[in-house]
């Protein structure tokens, strides 16, 4: 399995309409055919020193293999999301991992 975990820090000045547009865009990624498991979330209310909570949204996607991940990267839905929604974030951090 290949896991792709993306953290987004949205611009603080976004209005509700812009935030809703981002949410709709990021949720559209869950429907891409190569995604085996997917979730969109916000920081949980847990509060311990080891927990990173400064991000705005997370996107967790699991793929069967690296080839499916690579196909996801060039899928038109993914490309459209990046093109239309990159204006909403200040920072993106990605962690990819493969099953051992």
PDB file of N, CA and C in Angstrom:
ATOM      1  N   UNK A   1       0.843  -1.178   0.000  1.00  0.00           N
ATOM      2  CA  UNK A   1       0.000   0.000   0.000  1.00  0.00           C
ATOM      3  C   UNK A   1       0.889   1.242   0.000  1.00  0.00           C
ATOM      4  N   UNK A   2       0.417   2.283  -0.649  1.00  0.00           N
ATOM      5  CA  UNK A   2       1.114   3.564  -0.713  1.00  0.00           C
ATOM      6  C   UNK A   2       0.196   4.612  -0.094  1.00  0.00           C
ATOM      7  N   UNK A   3       0.695   5.341   0.901  1.00  0.00           N
ATOM      8  CA  UNK A   3      -0.109   6.341   1.605  1.00  0.00           C
ATOM      9  C   UNK A   3       0.434   7.734   1.293  1.00  0.00           C
ATOM     10  N   UNK A   4      -0.483   8.617   0.958  1.00  0.00           N
ATOM     11  CA  UNK A   4      -0.174  10.010   0.589  1.00  0.00           C
ATOM     12  C   UNK A   4      -0.954  10.891   1.555  1.00  0.00           C
ATOM     13  N   UNK A   5      -0.230  11.584   2.451  1.00  0.00           N
ATOM     14  CA  UNK A   5      -0.878  12.414   3.462  1.00  0.00           C
ATOM     15  C   UNK A   5      -0.454  13.855   3.229  1.00  0.00           C
ATOM     16  N   UNK A   6      -1.441  14.708   2.969  1.00  0.00           N
ATOM     17  CA  UNK A   6      -1.182  16.102   2.614  1.00  0.00           C
ATOM     18  C   UNK A   6      -1.790  17.012   3.676  1.00  0.00           C
ATOM     19  N   UNK A   7      -1.009  17.972   4.141  1.00  0.00           N
ATOM     20  CA  UNK A   7      -1.475  18.960   5.120  1.00  0.00           C
ATOM     21  C   UNK A   7      -1.482  20.330   4.447  1.00  0.00           C
ATOM     22  N   UNK A   8      -2.587  21.053   4.633  1.00  0.00           N
ATOM     23  CA  UNK A   8      -2.773  22.372   4.035  1.00  0.00           C
ATOM     24  C   UNK A   8      -2.886  23.425   5.129  1.00  0.00           C
ATOM     25  N   UNK A   9      -2.178  24.521   4.952  1.00  0.00           N
ATOM     26  CA  UNK A   9      -2.320  25.704   5.792  1.00  0.00           C
ATOM     27  C   UNK A   9      -2.985  26.759   4.915  1.00  0.00           C
ATOM     28  N   UNK A  10      -4.268  26.995   5.161  1.00  0.00           N
ATOM     29  CA  UNK A  10      -5.003  27.956   4.344  1.00  0.00           C
ATOM     30  C   UNK A  10      -4.648  29.390   4.745  1.00  0.00           C
ATOM     31  N   UNK A  11      -4.826  30.293   3.810  1.00  0.00           N
ATOM     32  CA  UNK A  11      -4.580  31.705   4.077  1.00  0.00           C
ATOM     33  C   UNK A  11      -5.588  32.187   5.114  1.00  0.00           C
ATOM     34  N   UNK A  12      -5.146  32.931   6.115  1.00  0.00           N
ATOM     35  CA  UNK A  12      -6.048  33.351   7.195  1.00  0.00           C
ATOM     36  C   UNK A  12      -7.155  34.303   6.758  1.00  0.00           C
ATOM     37  N   UNK A  13      -6.970  34.981   5.642  1.00  0.00           N
ATOM     38  CA  UNK A  13      -7.963  35.971   5.221  1.00  0.00           C
ATOM     39  C   UNK A  13      -9.088  35.387   4.360  1.00  0.00           C
ATOM     40  N   UNK A  14      -9.142  34.077   4.176  1.00  0.00           N
ATOM     41  CA  UNK A  14     -10.199  33.486   3.353  1.00  0.00           C
ATOM     42  C   UNK A  14     -11.567  33.728   3.960  1.00  0.00           C
ATOM     43  N   UNK A  15     -12.528  34.035   3.093  1.00  0.00           N
ATOM     44  CA  UNK A  15     -13.899  34.167   3.569  1.00  0.00           C
ATOM     45  C   UNK A  15     -14.571  32.785   3.517  1.00  0.00           C
ATOM     46  N   UNK A  16     -15.812  32.708   3.976  1.00  0.00           N
ATOM     47  CA  UNK A  16     -16.512  31.416   4.037  1.00  0.00           C
ATOM     48  C   UNK A  16     -16.700  30.807   2.659  1.00  0.00           C
ATOM     49  N   UNK A  17     -16.965  31.624   1.674  1.00  0.00           N
ATOM     50  CA  UNK A  17     -17.158  31.124   0.310  1.00  0.00           C
ATOM     51  C   UNK A  17     -15.874  30.498  -0.239  1.00  0.00           C
ATOM     52  N   UNK A  18     -14.752  31.136   0.009  1.00  0.00           N
ATOM     53  CA  UNK A  18     -13.472  30.605  -0.454  1.00  0.00           C
ATOM     54  C   UNK A  18     -13.121  29.311   0.286  1.00  0.00           C
ATOM     55  N   UNK A  19     -13.375  29.294   1.575  1.00  0.00           N
ATOM     56  CA  UNK A  19     -13.101  28.079   2.349  1.00  0.00           C
ATOM     57  C   UNK A  19     -13.993  26.929   1.868  1.00  0.00           C
ATOM     58  N   UNK A  20     -15.253  27.222   1.567  1.00  0.00           N
ATOM     59  CA  UNK A  20     -16.166  26.209   1.047  1.00  0.00           C
ATOM     60  C   UNK A  20     -15.689  25.705  -0.320  1.00  0.00           C
ATOM     61  N   UNK A  21     -15.153  26.591  -1.150  1.00  0.00           N
ATOM     62  CA  UNK A  21     -14.629  26.188  -2.454  1.00  0.00           C
ATOM     63  C   UNK A  21     -13.431  25.258  -2.281  1.00  0.00           C
ATOM     64  N   UNK A  22     -12.560  25.566  -1.315  1.00  0.00           N
ATOM     65  CA  UNK A  22     -11.433  24.680  -1.036  1.00  0.00           C
ATOM     66  C   UNK A  22     -11.936  23.315  -0.582  1.00  0.00           C
ATOM     67  N   UNK A  23     -12.869  23.306   0.356  1.00  0.00           N
ATOM     68  CA  UNK A  23     -13.401  22.035   0.866  1.00  0.00           C
ATOM     69  C   UNK A  23     -14.002  21.200  -0.246  1.00  0.00           C
ATOM     70  N   UNK A  24     -14.786  21.812  -1.105  1.00  0.00           N
ATOM     71  CA  UNK A  24     -15.386  21.078  -2.222  1.00  0.00           C
ATOM     72  C   UNK A  24     -14.297  20.518  -3.139  1.00  0.00           C
ATOM     73  N   UNK A  25     -13.289  21.325  -3.378  1.00  0.00           N
ATOM     74  CA  UNK A  25     -12.194  20.882  -4.242  1.00  0.00           C
ATOM     75  C   UNK A  25     -11.427  19.717  -3.655  1.00  0.00           C
ATOM     76  N   UNK A  26     -11.053  19.822  -2.396  1.00  0.00           N
ATOM     77  CA  UNK A  26     -10.258  18.754  -1.791  1.00  0.00           C
ATOM     78  C   UNK A  26     -11.085  17.474  -1.654  1.00  0.00           C
ATOM     79  N   UNK A  27     -12.373  17.609  -1.370  1.00  0.00           N
ATOM     80  CA  UNK A  27     -13.229  16.418  -1.278  1.00  0.00           C
ATOM     81  C   UNK A  27     -13.420  15.756  -2.640  1.00  0.00           C
ATOM     82  N   UNK A  28     -13.309  16.511  -3.720  1.00  0.00           N
ATOM     83  CA  UNK A  28     -13.449  15.921  -5.056  1.00  0.00           C
ATOM     84  C   UNK A  28     -12.354  14.889  -5.327  1.00  0.00           C
ATOM     85  N   UNK A  29     -11.220  15.031  -4.650  1.00  0.00           N
ATOM     86  CA  UNK A  29     -10.108  14.103  -4.850  1.00  0.00           C
ATOM     87  C   UNK A  29     -10.442  12.692  -4.370  1.00  0.00           C
ATOM     88  N   UNK A  30     -11.370  12.583  -3.438  1.00  0.00           N
ATOM     89  CA  UNK A  30     -11.741  11.277  -2.898  1.00  0.00           C
ATOM     90  C   UNK A  30     -12.408  10.389  -3.944  1.00  0.00           C
ATOM     91  N   UNK A  31     -12.957  10.991  -4.979  1.00  0.00           N
ATOM     92  CA  UNK A  31     -13.657  10.237  -6.011  1.00  0.00           C
ATOM     93  C   UNK A  31     -12.772   9.745  -7.152  1.00  0.00           C
ATOM     94  N   UNK A  32     -11.510  10.066  -7.122  1.00  0.00           N
ATOM     95  CA  UNK A  32     -10.610   9.610  -8.190  1.00  0.00           C
ATOM     96  C   UNK A  32     -10.479   8.098  -8.119  1.00  0.00           C
ATOM     97  N   UNK A  33     -10.587   7.447  -9.256  1.00  0.00           N
ATOM     98  CA  UNK A  33     -10.687   5.992  -9.306  1.00  0.00           C
ATOM     99  C   UNK A  33      -9.509   5.249  -8.683  1.00  0.00           C
ATOM    100  N   UNK A  34      -8.351   5.832  -8.614  1.00  0.00           N
ATOM    101  CA  UNK A  34      -7.172   5.148  -8.083  1.00  0.00           C
ATOM    102  C   UNK A  34      -7.114   5.165  -6.564  1.00  0.00           C
ATOM    103  N   UNK A  35      -7.938   5.997  -5.921  1.00  0.00           N
ATOM    104  CA  UNK A  35      -7.926   6.122  -4.462  1.00  0.00           C
ATOM    105  C   UNK A  35      -8.630   4.914  -3.846  1.00  0.00           C
ATOM    106  N   UNK A  36      -7.896   4.174  -3.021  1.00  0.00           N
ATOM    107  CA  UNK A  36      -8.463   3.005  -2.339  1.00  0.00           C
ATOM    108  C   UNK A  36      -9.191   3.431  -1.066  1.00  0.00           C
ATOM    109  N   UNK A  37      -8.556   4.318  -0.301  1.00  0.00           N
ATOM    110  CA  UNK A  37      -9.118   4.859   0.940  1.00  0.00           C
ATOM    111  C   UNK A  37      -8.806   6.348   0.957  1.00  0.00           C
ATOM    112  N   UNK A  38      -9.774   7.177   1.375  1.00  0.00           N
ATOM    113  CA  UNK A  38      -9.524   8.601   1.422  1.00  0.00           C
ATOM    114  C   UNK A  38     -10.306   9.279   2.537  1.00  0.00           C
ATOM    115  N   UNK A  39      -9.727  10.353   3.061  1.00  0.00           N
ATOM    116  CA  UNK A  39     -10.383  11.114   4.123  1.00  0.00           C
ATOM    117  C   UNK A  39      -9.886  12.552   4.090  1.00  0.00           C
ATOM    118  N   UNK A  40     -10.792  13.474   4.358  1.00  0.00           N
ATOM    119  CA  UNK A  40     -10.457  14.887   4.521  1.00  0.00           C
ATOM    120  C   UNK A  40     -10.826  15.261   5.948  1.00  0.00           C
ATOM    121  N   UNK A  41      -9.934  15.939   6.654  1.00  0.00           N
ATOM    122  CA  UNK A  41     -10.230  16.302   8.034  1.00  0.00           C
ATOM    123  C   UNK A  41      -9.583  17.605   8.438  1.00  0.00           C
ATOM    124  N   UNK A  42      -9.956  18.032   9.628  1.00  0.00           N
ATOM    125  CA  UNK A  42      -9.361  19.203  10.285  1.00  0.00           C
ATOM    126  C   UNK A  42      -8.659  18.705  11.547  1.00  0.00           C
ATOM    127  N   UNK A  43      -7.824  19.544  12.156  1.00  0.00           N
ATOM    128  CA  UNK A  43      -7.144  19.106  13.374  1.00  0.00           C
ATOM    129  C   UNK A  43      -8.151  18.653  14.439  1.00  0.00           C
ATOM    130  N   UNK A  44      -7.844  17.544  15.060  1.00  0.00           N
ATOM    131  CA  UNK A  44      -8.692  17.027  16.135  1.00  0.00           C
ATOM    132  C   UNK A  44      -8.533  17.901  17.381  1.00  0.00           C
ATOM    133  N   UNK A  45      -9.425  17.732  18.321  1.00  0.00           N
ATOM    134  CA  UNK A  45      -9.380  18.533  19.547  1.00  0.00           C
ATOM    135  C   UNK A  45      -8.376  18.004  20.553  1.00  0.00           C
ATOM    136  N   UNK A  46      -7.726  16.891  20.242  1.00  0.00           N
ATOM    137  CA  UNK A  46      -6.679  16.382  21.135  1.00  0.00           C
ATOM    138  C   UNK A  46      -5.586  17.434  21.264  1.00  0.00           C
ATOM    139  N   UNK A  47      -5.047  17.550  22.453  1.00  0.00           N
ATOM    140  CA  UNK A  47      -4.056  18.596  22.688  1.00  0.00           C
ATOM    141  C   UNK A  47      -2.968  18.065  23.613  1.00  0.00           C
ATOM    142  N   UNK A  48      -1.940  17.491  22.986  1.00  0.00           N
ATOM    143  CA  UNK A  48      -0.759  17.031  23.721  1.00  0.00           C
ATOM    144  C   UNK A  48       0.463  17.653  23.052  1.00  0.00           C
ATOM    145  N   UNK A  49       1.556  17.787  23.765  1.00  0.00           N
ATOM    146  CA  UNK A  49       2.733  18.464  23.202  1.00  0.00           C
ATOM    147  C   UNK A  49       3.252  17.850  21.897  1.00  0.00           C
ATOM    148  N   UNK A  50       3.039  16.569  21.675  1.00  0.00           N
ATOM    149  CA  UNK A  50       3.576  15.920  20.473  1.00  0.00           C
ATOM    150  C   UNK A  50       2.666  16.048  19.252  1.00  0.00           C
ATOM    151  N   UNK A  51       1.509  16.650  19.402  1.00  0.00           N
ATOM    152  CA  UNK A  51       0.546  16.737  18.305  1.00  0.00           C
ATOM    153  C   UNK A  51       0.691  18.061  17.571  1.00  0.00           C
ATOM    154  N   UNK A  52       0.833  17.960  16.255  1.00  0.00           N
ATOM    155  CA  UNK A  52       0.909  19.130  15.377  1.00  0.00           C
ATOM    156  C   UNK A  52      -0.517  19.523  15.015  1.00  0.00           C
ATOM    157  N   UNK A  53      -0.932  20.717  15.388  1.00  0.00           N
ATOM    158  CA  UNK A  53      -2.306  21.159  15.140  1.00  0.00           C
ATOM    159  C   UNK A  53      -2.379  22.481  14.398  1.00  0.00           C
ATOM    160  N   UNK A  54      -1.283  22.925  13.819  1.00  0.00           N
ATOM    161  CA  UNK A  54      -1.287  24.251  13.192  1.00  0.00           C
ATOM    162  C   UNK A  54      -1.867  24.256  11.773  1.00  0.00           C
ATOM    163  N   UNK A  55      -2.058  23.104  11.189  1.00  0.00           N
ATOM    164  CA  UNK A  55      -2.588  23.040   9.824  1.00  0.00           C
ATOM    165  C   UNK A  55      -4.097  23.307   9.805  1.00  0.00           C
ATOM    166  N   UNK A  56      -4.626  23.589   8.628  1.00  0.00           N
ATOM    167  CA  UNK A  56      -6.063  23.852   8.466  1.00  0.00           C
ATOM    168  C   UNK A  56      -6.843  22.601   8.092  1.00  0.00           C
ATOM    169  N   UNK A  57      -6.311  21.817   7.149  1.00  0.00           N
ATOM    170  CA  UNK A  57      -6.963  20.599   6.659  1.00  0.00           C
ATOM    171  C   UNK A  57      -5.910  19.540   6.385  1.00  0.00           C
ATOM    172  N   UNK A  58      -6.336  18.289   6.489  1.00  0.00           N
ATOM    173  CA  UNK A  58      -5.484  17.195   6.040  1.00  0.00           C
ATOM    174  C   UNK A  58      -6.250  16.369   5.017  1.00  0.00           C
ATOM    175  N   UNK A  59      -5.498  15.801   4.100  1.00  0.00           N
ATOM    176  CA  UNK A  59      -6.022  14.888   3.096  1.00  0.00           C
ATOM    177  C   UNK A  59      -5.225  13.607   3.217  1.00  0.00           C
ATOM    178  N   UNK A  60      -5.901  12.516   3.499  1.00  0.00           N
ATOM    179  CA  UNK A  60      -5.244  11.215   3.623  1.00  0.00           C
ATOM    180  C   UNK A  60      -5.757  10.322   2.507  1.00  0.00           C
ATOM    181  N   UNK A  61      -4.842   9.838   1.675  1.00  0.00           N
ATOM    182  CA  UNK A  61      -5.210   8.958   0.576  1.00  0.00           C
ATOM    183  C   UNK A  61      -4.340   7.712   0.611  1.00  0.00           C
ATOM    184  N   UNK A  62      -4.965   6.573   0.389  1.00  0.00           N
ATOM    185  CA  UNK A  62      -4.227   5.316   0.290  1.00  0.00           C
ATOM    186  C   UNK A  62      -4.464   4.727  -1.092  1.00  0.00           C
ATOM    187  N   UNK A  63      -3.387   4.227  -1.663  1.00  0.00           N
ATOM    188  CA  UNK A  63      -3.418   3.629  -2.993  1.00  0.00           C
ATOM    189  C   UNK A  63      -2.918   2.188  -2.896  1.00  0.00           C
ATOM    190  N   UNK A  64      -3.308   1.387  -3.840  1.00  0.00           N
ATOM    191  CA  UNK A  64      -2.862  -0.003  -3.879  1.00  0.00           C
ATOM    192  C   UNK A  64      -1.347  -0.089  -4.044  1.00  0.00           C
ATOM    193  N   UNK A  65      -0.783   0.857  -4.818  1.00  0.00           N
ATOM    194  CA  UNK A  65       0.654   0.809  -5.111  1.00  0.00           C
ATOM    195  C   UNK A  65       1.111   2.181  -5.625  1.00  0.00           C
ATOM    196  N   UNK A  66       2.404   2.287  -5.849  1.00  0.00           N
ATOM    197  CA  UNK A  66       2.987   3.541  -6.333  1.00  0.00           C
ATOM    198  C   UNK A  66       2.450   3.918  -7.710  1.00  0.00           C
ATOM    199  N   UNK A  67       2.215   2.941  -8.560  1.00  0.00           N
ATOM    200  CA  UNK A  67       1.691   3.232  -9.900  1.00  0.00           C
ATOM    201  C   UNK A  67       0.330   3.916  -9.825  1.00  0.00           C
ATOM    202  N   UNK A  68      -0.532   3.478  -8.908  1.00  0.00           N
ATOM    203  CA  UNK A  68      -1.837   4.128  -8.748  1.00  0.00           C
ATOM    204  C   UNK A  68      -1.679   5.556  -8.229  1.00  0.00           C
ATOM    205  N   UNK A  69      -0.736   5.754  -7.318  1.00  0.00           N
ATOM    206  CA  UNK A  69      -0.451   7.104  -6.833  1.00  0.00           C
ATOM    207  C   UNK A  69       0.003   7.999  -7.985  1.00  0.00           C
ATOM    208  N   UNK A  70       0.901   7.482  -8.809  1.00  0.00           N
ATOM    209  CA  UNK A  70       1.412   8.261  -9.935  1.00  0.00           C
ATOM    210  C   UNK A  70       0.298   8.602 -10.923  1.00  0.00           C
ATOM    211  N   UNK A  71      -0.624   7.671 -11.138  1.00  0.00           N
ATOM    212  CA  UNK A  71      -1.765   7.938 -12.023  1.00  0.00           C
ATOM    213  C   UNK A  71      -2.676   9.001 -11.409  1.00  0.00           C
ATOM    214  N   UNK A  72      -2.850   8.963 -10.094  1.00  0.00           N
ATOM    215  CA  UNK A  72      -3.637   9.984  -9.386  1.00  0.00           C
ATOM    216  C   UNK A  72      -3.046  11.376  -9.617  1.00  0.00           C
ATOM    217  N   UNK A  73      -1.731  11.475  -9.576  1.00  0.00           N
ATOM    218  CA  UNK A  73      -1.064  12.774  -9.704  1.00  0.00           C
ATOM    219  C   UNK A  73      -1.390  13.476 -11.018  1.00  0.00           C
ATOM    220  N   UNK A  74      -1.635  12.724 -12.075  1.00  0.00           N
ATOM    221  CA  UNK A  74      -1.920  13.327 -13.379  1.00  0.00           C
ATOM    222  C   UNK A  74      -3.396  13.208 -13.766  1.00  0.00           C
ATOM    223  N   UNK A  75      -4.223  12.734 -12.838  1.00  0.00           N
ATOM    224  CA  UNK A  75      -5.660  12.641 -13.097  1.00  0.00           C
ATOM    225  C   UNK A  75      -6.229  14.054 -13.265  1.00  0.00           C
ATOM    226  N   UNK A  76      -7.128  14.260 -14.231  1.00  0.00           N
ATOM    227  CA  UNK A  76      -7.691  15.599 -14.469  1.00  0.00           C
ATOM    228  C   UNK A  76      -8.342  16.229 -13.233  1.00  0.00           C
ATOM    229  N   UNK A  77      -8.968  15.428 -12.374  1.00  0.00           N
ATOM    230  CA  UNK A  77      -9.585  15.983 -11.160  1.00  0.00           C
ATOM    231  C   UNK A  77      -8.523  16.548 -10.231  1.00  0.00           C
ATOM    232  N   UNK A  78      -7.410  15.841 -10.089  1.00  0.00           N
ATOM    233  CA  UNK A  78      -6.315  16.327  -9.243  1.00  0.00           C
ATOM    234  C   UNK A  78      -5.702  17.593  -9.830  1.00  0.00           C
ATOM    235  N   UNK A  79      -5.463  17.577 -11.125  1.00  0.00           N
ATOM    236  CA  UNK A  79      -4.873  18.755 -11.778  1.00  0.00           C
ATOM    237  C   UNK A  79      -5.785  19.972 -11.660  1.00  0.00           C
ATOM    238  N   UNK A  80      -7.094  19.769 -11.800  1.00  0.00           N
ATOM    239  CA  UNK A  80      -8.041  20.868 -11.655  1.00  0.00           C
ATOM    240  C   UNK A  80      -8.040  21.401 -10.226  1.00  0.00           C
ATOM    241  N   UNK A  81      -7.983  20.500  -9.244  1.00  0.00           N
ATOM    242  CA  UNK A  81      -7.930  20.928  -7.838  1.00  0.00           C
ATOM    243  C   UNK A  81      -6.726  21.835  -7.599  1.00  0.00           C
ATOM    244  N   UNK A  82      -5.568  21.406  -8.035  1.00  0.00           N
ATOM    245  CA  UNK A  82      -4.365  22.221  -7.823  1.00  0.00           C
ATOM    246  C   UNK A  82      -4.498  23.570  -8.520  1.00  0.00           C
ATOM    247  N   UNK A  83      -4.961  23.550  -9.752  1.00  0.00           N
ATOM    248  CA  UNK A  83      -5.095  24.787 -10.524  1.00  0.00           C
ATOM    249  C   UNK A  83      -6.067  25.771  -9.879  1.00  0.00           C
ATOM    250  N   UNK A  84      -7.202  25.288  -9.406  1.00  0.00           N
ATOM    251  CA  UNK A  84      -8.241  26.194  -8.891  1.00  0.00           C
ATOM    252  C   UNK A  84      -8.105  26.500  -7.406  1.00  0.00           C
ATOM    253  N   UNK A  85      -7.455  25.625  -6.648  1.00  0.00           N
ATOM    254  CA  UNK A  85      -7.442  25.804  -5.190  1.00  0.00           C
ATOM    255  C   UNK A  85      -6.106  26.255  -4.605  1.00  0.00           C
ATOM    256  N   UNK A  86      -5.037  26.228  -5.382  1.00  0.00           N
ATOM    257  CA  UNK A  86      -3.747  26.626  -4.814  1.00  0.00           C
ATOM    258  C   UNK A  86      -3.745  28.078  -4.336  1.00  0.00           C
ATOM    259  N   UNK A  87      -4.657  28.869  -4.842  1.00  0.00           N
ATOM    260  CA  UNK A  87      -4.777  30.258  -4.408  1.00  0.00           C
ATOM    261  C   UNK A  87      -5.224  30.376  -2.952  1.00  0.00           C
ATOM    262  N   UNK A  88      -5.749  29.294  -2.389  1.00  0.00           N
ATOM    263  CA  UNK A  88      -6.307  29.334  -1.038  1.00  0.00           C
ATOM    264  C   UNK A  88      -5.310  28.967   0.057  1.00  0.00           C
ATOM    265  N   UNK A  89      -4.166  28.394  -0.299  1.00  0.00           N
ATOM    266  CA  UNK A  89      -3.242  27.986   0.765  1.00  0.00           C
ATOM    267  C   UNK A  89      -1.931  28.755   0.724  1.00  0.00           C
ATOM    268  N   UNK A  90      -1.347  28.848   1.927  1.00  0.00           N
ATOM    269  CA  UNK A  90      -0.022  29.436   2.096  1.00  0.00           C
ATOM    270  C   UNK A  90       1.057  28.370   2.056  1.00  0.00           C
ATOM    271  N   UNK A  91       0.693  27.177   2.512  1.00  0.00           N
ATOM    272  CA  UNK A  91       1.689  26.115   2.670  1.00  0.00           C
ATOM    273  C   UNK A  91       1.028  24.759   2.493  1.00  0.00           C
ATOM    274  N   UNK A  92       1.788  23.836   1.919  1.00  0.00           N
ATOM    275  CA  UNK A  92       1.378  22.438   1.794  1.00  0.00           C
ATOM    276  C   UNK A  92       2.558  21.581   2.227  1.00  0.00           C
ATOM    277  N   UNK A  93       2.287  20.568   3.035  1.00  0.00           N
ATOM    278  CA  UNK A  93       3.321  19.625   3.466  1.00  0.00           C
ATOM    279  C   UNK A  93       2.814  18.225   3.163  1.00  0.00           C
ATOM    280  N   UNK A  94       3.639  17.432   2.498  1.00  0.00           N
ATOM    281  CA  UNK A  94       3.229  16.095   2.084  1.00  0.00           C
ATOM    282  C   UNK A  94       4.144  15.045   2.712  1.00  0.00           C
ATOM    283  N   UNK A  95       3.501  13.969   3.191  1.00  0.00           N
ATOM    284  CA  UNK A  95       4.225  12.805   3.696  1.00  0.00           C
ATOM    285  C   UNK A  95       3.718  11.591   2.927  1.00  0.00           C
ATOM    286  N   UNK A  96       4.625  10.930   2.212  1.00  0.00           N
ATOM    287  CA  UNK A  96       4.304   9.700   1.505  1.00  0.00           C
ATOM    288  C   UNK A  96       4.976   8.541   2.223  1.00  0.00           C
ATOM    289  N   UNK A  97       4.284   7.420   2.298  1.00  0.00           N
ATOM    290  CA  UNK A  97       4.879   6.233   2.891  1.00  0.00           C
ATOM    291  C   UNK A  97       4.398   4.992   2.160  1.00  0.00           C
ATOM    292  N   UNK A  98       5.224   3.932   2.240  1.00  0.00           N
ATOM    293  CA  UNK A  98       4.888   2.655   1.650  1.00  0.00           C
ATOM    294  C   UNK A  98       4.913   1.581   2.729  1.00  0.00           C
ATOM    295  N   UNK A  99       4.034   0.629   2.593  1.00  0.00           N
ATOM    296  CA  UNK A  99       3.953  -0.469   3.552  1.00  0.00           C
ATOM    297  C   UNK A  99       5.265  -1.239   3.582  1.00  0.00           C
ATOM    298  N   UNK A 100       5.706  -1.566   4.784  1.00  0.00           N
ATOM    299  CA  UNK A 100       6.934  -2.361   4.927  1.00  0.00           C
ATOM    300  C   UNK A 100       6.611  -3.820   5.192  1.00  0.00           C
TER     301      UNK A 100
END
